[in-house]
Protein backbone atom coordinates (compact mmCIF):
# COMPACT_ATOMS: atom_id res chain seq x y z
CA MET A 1 15.39 -20.61 0.43
CA LYS A 2 18.71 -22.69 0.46
CA ARG A 3 18.54 -22.41 -3.57
CA LEU A 4 18.23 -18.56 -2.81
CA THR A 5 20.81 -18.16 -0.31
CA TYR A 6 23.22 -20.09 -2.64
CA LEU A 7 22.63 -17.71 -5.59
CA LEU A 8 22.75 -14.83 -3.06
CA VAL A 9 26.31 -16.26 -2.05
CA SER A 10 27.45 -16.78 -5.49
CA VAL A 11 27.09 -12.80 -6.07
CA ILE A 12 30.37 -12.77 -4.80
CA VAL A 13 32.12 -14.44 -7.96
CA PHE A 14 29.28 -13.15 -10.23
CA SER A 15 31.41 -10.95 -12.49
CA SER A 16 33.26 -14.28 -13.41
CA LEU A 17 29.93 -16.23 -14.49
CA PRO A 18 29.57 -16.87 -17.78
CA PRO A 19 26.96 -14.62 -19.75
CA SER A 20 24.14 -16.83 -20.13
CA PHE A 21 24.79 -17.95 -16.41
CA ALA A 22 25.06 -14.40 -15.10
CA GLN A 23 21.42 -13.67 -17.10
CA ASP A 24 19.68 -16.44 -15.28
CA PHE A 25 20.84 -15.29 -12.12
CA ARG A 26 19.38 -11.72 -12.75
CA GLU A 27 16.22 -13.32 -13.90
CA VAL A 28 16.00 -15.18 -10.78
CA ILE A 29 16.39 -12.19 -8.68
CA ALA A 30 14.04 -10.24 -10.33
CA MET A 31 11.56 -12.92 -10.21
CA LYS A 32 12.06 -13.58 -6.34
CA ILE A 33 11.47 -9.41 -6.02
CA VAL A 34 8.38 -9.42 -7.97
CA GLN A 35 7.03 -12.54 -5.85
CA VAL A 36 7.97 -11.10 -2.36
CA ARG A 37 6.58 -7.69 -3.26
CA LYS A 38 3.25 -9.34 -4.39
CA GLU A 39 2.87 -11.26 -1.03
CA ASN A 40 4.02 -8.13 0.49
CA ALA A 41 1.09 -5.94 -1.38
CA THR A 42 -1.39 -8.55 -0.33
CA LEU A 43 -0.43 -8.21 3.45
CA MET A 44 -0.67 -4.56 3.36
CA ARG A 45 -4.29 -4.85 2.45
CA TYR A 46 -5.13 -5.73 5.78
CA TYR A 47 -3.43 -2.87 7.64
CA THR A 48 -4.80 1.00 7.92
CA TRP A 49 -2.42 3.39 8.73
CA ASN A 50 -1.88 7.31 8.82
CA SER A 51 0.40 9.45 6.38
CA ARG A 52 1.84 12.74 7.19
CA THR A 53 3.07 14.72 4.48
CA GLU A 54 5.09 18.37 4.89
CA LEU A 55 5.88 20.67 2.21
CA THR A 56 8.63 23.20 3.03
CA ASP A 57 9.36 26.07 0.25
CA ASN A 58 12.48 28.07 0.78
CA GLY A 59 12.83 26.84 4.07
CA GLU A 60 9.11 27.52 5.24
CA VAL A 61 6.59 24.96 5.87
CA LYS A 62 3.63 25.72 3.66
CA ASP A 63 1.45 22.82 3.97
CA ILE A 64 0.98 19.94 6.59
CA ARG A 65 -1.37 17.31 5.31
CA ILE A 66 -2.60 14.12 7.63
CA GLU A 67 -4.45 11.40 5.97
CA MET A 68 -5.63 7.71 7.04
CA ILE A 69 -4.99 5.26 4.27
CA SER A 70 -6.41 1.76 3.45
CA TYR A 71 -7.28 -0.55 0.58
CA GLY A 72 -10.67 -0.83 -0.55
CA PRO A 73 -12.64 -4.12 -1.44
CA ASP A 74 -11.48 -3.55 -5.05
CA GLY A 75 -8.00 -3.46 -3.75
CA GLN A 76 -7.42 0.59 -4.52
CA MET A 77 -5.82 2.66 -2.04
CA GLN A 78 -8.06 4.78 -0.36
CA ARG A 79 -7.53 8.17 1.45
CA VAL A 80 -9.24 10.25 3.97
CA LEU A 81 -7.83 13.65 5.08
CA LEU A 82 -7.59 14.06 8.70
CA ASN A 83 -6.18 17.54 8.73
CA ASP A 84 -4.74 20.07 6.24
CA ILE A 85 -2.64 22.95 7.63
CA LYS A 86 -1.90 25.38 5.13
CA SER A 87 0.58 28.28 5.81
CA PRO A 88 -1.90 31.94 5.81
CA LEU A 89 -2.09 33.69 2.52
CA PRO A 90 -0.81 37.47 2.87
CA ARG A 91 -3.54 40.32 3.23
CA GLY A 92 -4.41 42.59 0.58
CA PHE A 93 -6.47 41.63 -2.63
CA LEU A 94 -3.02 41.75 -5.25
CA ARG A 95 -0.68 40.31 -2.39
CA ARG A 96 -3.34 37.23 -1.60
CA ALA A 97 -3.91 36.89 -5.51
CA ILE A 98 -0.15 36.32 -6.63
CA ALA A 99 0.37 33.97 -3.39
CA GLU A 100 -2.32 31.71 -4.25
CA LYS A 101 -1.03 31.57 -8.17
CA GLU A 102 2.15 30.57 -7.03
CA ARG A 103 0.68 28.12 -4.22
CA GLN A 104 -1.28 26.29 -7.51
CA LYS A 105 1.95 26.46 -9.51
CA VAL A 106 3.69 24.26 -6.72
CA GLU A 107 0.44 21.88 -6.47
CA ASP A 108 0.57 21.64 -10.02
CA TYR A 109 4.53 20.67 -10.20
CA LEU A 110 4.20 18.13 -7.10
CA THR A 111 1.04 16.39 -9.08
CA GLY A 112 3.50 16.39 -12.21
CA LEU A 113 6.58 15.44 -10.30
CA ARG A 114 4.16 12.49 -8.27
CA GLY A 115 3.58 10.95 -11.76
CA LEU A 116 7.38 10.56 -12.50
CA LEU A 117 8.15 9.22 -9.01
CA ASP A 118 5.47 6.55 -9.22
CA GLN A 119 7.32 5.14 -11.88
CA TYR A 120 10.75 4.28 -9.78
CA THR A 121 8.27 1.86 -8.04
CA LEU A 122 8.69 -0.32 -10.77
CA PRO A 123 5.09 -1.35 -10.74
CA THR A 124 5.22 -4.26 -13.09
CA ALA A 125 7.41 -7.42 -13.26
CA GLY A 126 8.53 -6.29 -16.60
CA LYS A 127 10.04 -2.98 -14.98
CA VAL A 128 11.75 -5.24 -12.42
CA LEU A 129 13.33 -7.44 -14.76
CA ASP A 130 14.35 -4.56 -17.16
CA PHE A 131 16.04 -3.10 -13.88
CA VAL A 132 17.94 -6.19 -12.57
CA SER A 133 18.98 -7.24 -15.78
CA GLN A 134 21.32 -4.19 -16.27
CA ALA A 135 21.83 -3.14 -13.04
CA LYS A 136 25.24 -3.57 -11.08
CA ILE A 137 24.83 -6.13 -7.96
CA SER A 138 27.23 -5.98 -5.45
CA PRO A 139 27.45 -8.54 -2.51
CA SER A 140 25.53 -8.16 0.79
CA ASP A 141 27.43 -5.87 3.12
CA ALA A 142 27.81 -6.16 6.91
CA SER A 143 24.20 -5.50 7.54
CA GLY A 144 23.20 -8.34 5.33
CA LEU A 145 21.88 -5.77 2.46
CA LEU A 146 21.81 -6.66 -1.43
CA TYR A 147 23.04 -3.32 -3.25
CA LEU A 148 21.61 -2.89 -7.12
CA ASN A 149 22.21 0.05 -8.98
CA GLY A 150 21.12 1.17 -12.42
CA ASN A 151 21.24 4.14 -14.75
CA ASN A 152 18.67 5.30 -17.52
CA VAL A 153 16.01 3.22 -15.65
CA VAL A 154 12.95 6.04 -16.34
CA VAL A 155 14.62 9.12 -18.16
CA PRO A 156 17.79 9.40 -19.39
CA GLY A 157 20.91 10.26 -17.14
CA ASP A 158 19.06 9.15 -14.05
CA THR A 159 20.33 7.04 -11.08
CA PHE A 160 18.28 4.13 -9.40
CA SER A 161 19.95 2.54 -6.20
CA LEU A 162 17.82 -0.15 -4.71
CA TRP A 163 18.76 -2.10 -1.11
CA VAL A 164 17.17 -5.11 -0.67
CA GLU A 165 17.63 -7.73 2.42
CA ALA A 166 19.96 -10.59 1.09
CA THR A 167 17.71 -13.40 2.71
CA THR A 168 14.41 -12.26 1.65
CA LEU A 169 14.78 -9.73 -1.27
CA GLN A 170 12.52 -7.37 1.00
CA THR A 171 13.21 -3.70 0.16
CA SER A 172 15.21 -2.08 2.56
CA LYS A 173 15.79 1.40 0.96
CA ILE A 174 15.66 3.41 -2.14
CA GLU A 175 17.69 6.24 -3.50
CA VAL A 176 16.75 8.21 -6.80
CA GLU A 177 18.74 10.95 -8.69
CA THR A 178 16.55 12.21 -11.83
CA PHE A 179 15.26 15.23 -13.67
CA PHE A 180 11.64 16.58 -14.03
CA GLN A 181 10.99 19.65 -15.86
CA GLY A 182 14.76 20.47 -16.19
CA ASP A 183 15.26 20.34 -12.40
CA ILE A 184 17.51 17.79 -10.18
CA VAL A 185 15.29 15.53 -8.26
CA VAL A 186 16.64 13.64 -5.31
CA VAL A 187 14.57 10.74 -3.41
CA THR A 188 15.53 8.77 -0.12
CA SER A 189 12.90 6.37 0.64
CA THR A 190 13.71 3.75 3.82
CA SER A 191 11.29 1.07 4.70
CA LYS A 192 10.79 -0.64 7.88
CA ARG A 193 8.90 -3.64 8.78
CA LEU A 194 5.86 -4.53 10.95
CA PRO A 195 6.05 -6.80 13.85
CA ASN A 196 4.87 -10.12 12.16
CA GLY A 197 3.94 -8.19 9.10
CA PRO A 198 5.03 -6.81 6.08
CA THR A 199 7.49 -4.28 5.32
CA TYR A 200 6.21 -0.62 4.46
CA MET A 201 7.44 2.61 3.26
CA ALA A 202 8.28 4.50 6.57
CA TYR A 203 10.10 7.82 5.60
CA THR A 204 10.57 9.44 2.13
CA ASP A 205 12.52 12.38 1.27
CA VAL A 206 11.86 14.65 -1.87
CA THR A 207 14.27 17.49 -2.47
CA ILE A 208 14.37 19.66 -5.45
CA ALA A 209 17.27 22.03 -4.64
CA VAL A 210 17.01 24.76 -7.34
CA LYS A 211 13.32 25.53 -6.71
CA GLN A 212 14.24 25.03 -2.88
CA LEU A 213 11.31 22.42 -2.47
CA ARG A 214 11.34 19.62 0.03
CA LEU A 215 8.65 17.31 0.40
CA GLN A 216 8.82 14.81 3.53
CA ILE A 217 6.47 11.72 4.13
CA HIS A 218 5.97 9.71 7.12
CA ASN A 219 3.58 6.67 7.50
CA TYR A 220 2.68 5.69 10.89
CA ASP A 221 0.36 4.04 13.28
CA TYR A 222 -0.36 0.77 11.49
CA SER A 223 -3.30 -1.20 12.64
CA PRO A 224 -3.96 -4.28 11.33
CA ILE A 225 -7.53 -5.40 10.51
CA PRO A 226 -9.53 -8.58 10.05
CA PRO A 227 -9.03 -9.88 6.82
CA PRO A 228 -12.54 -10.31 4.51
CA LEU A 229 -13.07 -13.90 4.31
CA SER A 230 -14.53 -15.71 1.01
CA ILE A 231 -17.59 -17.33 1.49
CA GLN A 232 -16.23 -20.64 1.46
CA GLU A 233 -13.81 -19.73 4.29
CA ARG A 234 -16.38 -17.90 6.45
CA GLN A 235 -16.78 -19.24 9.69
CA LEU A 236 -20.66 -18.64 10.79
CA SER A 237 -21.20 -17.19 13.70
CA PRO A 238 -23.60 -19.03 16.34
CA SER A 239 -26.58 -16.79 15.41
CA ILE A 240 -25.71 -17.44 11.50
CA GLN A 241 -25.74 -21.18 12.38
CA GLU A 242 -28.85 -21.16 14.04
CA MET A 243 -30.47 -19.48 11.11
CA GLU A 244 -28.91 -22.42 9.02
CA ILE A 245 -30.33 -25.31 10.78
CA LYS A 246 -33.68 -23.37 10.45
CA SER A 247 -33.47 -23.53 6.88
CA PRO A 248 -36.63 -22.91 4.54
CA ALA A 249 -37.20 -26.54 3.78
CA SER A 250 -38.42 -26.97 7.59
CA PRO A 251 -42.49 -27.21 8.07
CA PRO A 252 -43.32 -23.47 8.05
CA ALA A 253 -44.55 -22.07 11.48
CA ALA A 254 -47.82 -20.48 11.65
CA LYS A 255 -47.88 -16.87 11.73
CA ALA A 256 -47.67 -15.73 15.51
CA ALA A 257 -49.35 -12.67 17.01
CA PRO A 258 -47.58 -9.72 17.81
CA GLY A 259 -45.44 -9.87 20.72
CA SER A 260 -44.92 -13.62 20.91
CA PRO A 261 -41.75 -15.30 21.38
CA SER A 262 -41.46 -16.43 17.60
CA LEU A 263 -41.63 -12.57 16.52
CA GLN A 264 -38.75 -11.79 19.00
CA THR A 265 -37.02 -14.65 17.94
CA VAL A 266 -36.89 -13.13 14.16
CA GLU A 267 -36.22 -9.78 15.55
CA GLN A 268 -33.18 -10.98 17.52
CA LYS A 269 -31.90 -12.88 14.17
CA LEU A 270 -32.52 -9.55 12.17
CA ARG A 271 -30.50 -7.53 15.23
CA ASP A 272 -27.70 -10.23 14.91
CA LEU A 273 -27.70 -10.37 11.12
CA LYS A 274 -27.40 -6.48 11.00
CA ALA A 275 -24.34 -6.31 13.65
CA LEU A 276 -22.69 -9.08 11.68
CA PHE A 277 -23.06 -6.61 8.78
CA ASP A 278 -21.99 -3.55 10.28
CA GLN A 279 -18.65 -5.32 11.79
CA GLY A 280 -17.72 -6.28 7.87
CA LEU A 281 -18.28 -10.06 8.90
CA ILE A 282 -20.77 -10.68 5.71
CA THR A 283 -21.44 -8.89 2.48
CA GLN A 284 -23.99 -6.59 1.22
CA SER A 285 -25.12 -9.60 -0.88
CA ASP A 286 -25.09 -12.33 2.13
CA TYR A 287 -26.72 -9.62 4.33
CA ASP A 288 -29.77 -9.16 1.87
CA ALA A 289 -30.21 -13.00 1.27
CA LYS A 290 -30.22 -13.83 4.83
CA LYS A 291 -32.48 -11.28 5.83
CA ALA A 292 -34.70 -12.42 2.81
CA GLN A 293 -34.96 -15.99 4.19
CA ILE A 294 -35.75 -15.05 7.72
CA LEU A 295 -38.54 -12.54 6.47
CA GLN A 296 -40.09 -15.21 4.34
CA GLY A 297 -40.24 -17.74 7.71
CA LEU A 298 -42.74 -14.88 9.00
């Protein structure tokens, strides 16, 4: 941290550094940003949250969509639609058909635009390094933010601005001015930090003035979820510990008649095991193996 702080302070005299030292400085900044973003992304997997997307066309709200977002076991983002309120279509067959066609055109346009804007997240370490290596880096301001600005980042003539916290290099704000299908697109995204947790994109505003389109995204209601523990790290519950003590190597007990205490004990173990699985505390393979082990003792 001391080394990083020293390097950040040296931005003040950055323009006077020899080219080789200046490039080394940029690489340190880029790699630190990559590391911080990776750690932040890992922490985000242990949260679920809601996302509200509002589409405005020519000053009229056309669609409000609310989704619950989380990460699956494979690390991929999952979206569950909670509500989708679209503006009503006009009456009359012809007018309705025209409105449906226009709505589809807008949805197709925004789908393509989303693919372009995803590139401005600088999704790989190489993209981050490419941007930082050519960006203009300004000293941190009174609010403790470091400012990086570059052009031609994704498409010719675009402008990409990034504000990061000078001490942690966590992203604080992003501004983009780019082009899509000949239209000027302006994007502003601001981040917030969860208490004792990661930073997240709280508000994103996308404006296409020539089409009078505006897309606003608000992420909120972040709730932590227990991180999945590996088999090595998993702390067995008392019921599982009891199962482990009575291993298959123990002398098998004689089968008990229905309704006997031993069958009741097995039934309780199966109930406890199922409860652990339903709570996500053990995996499917753990559940199947332990269930088979319990049934073998019958």
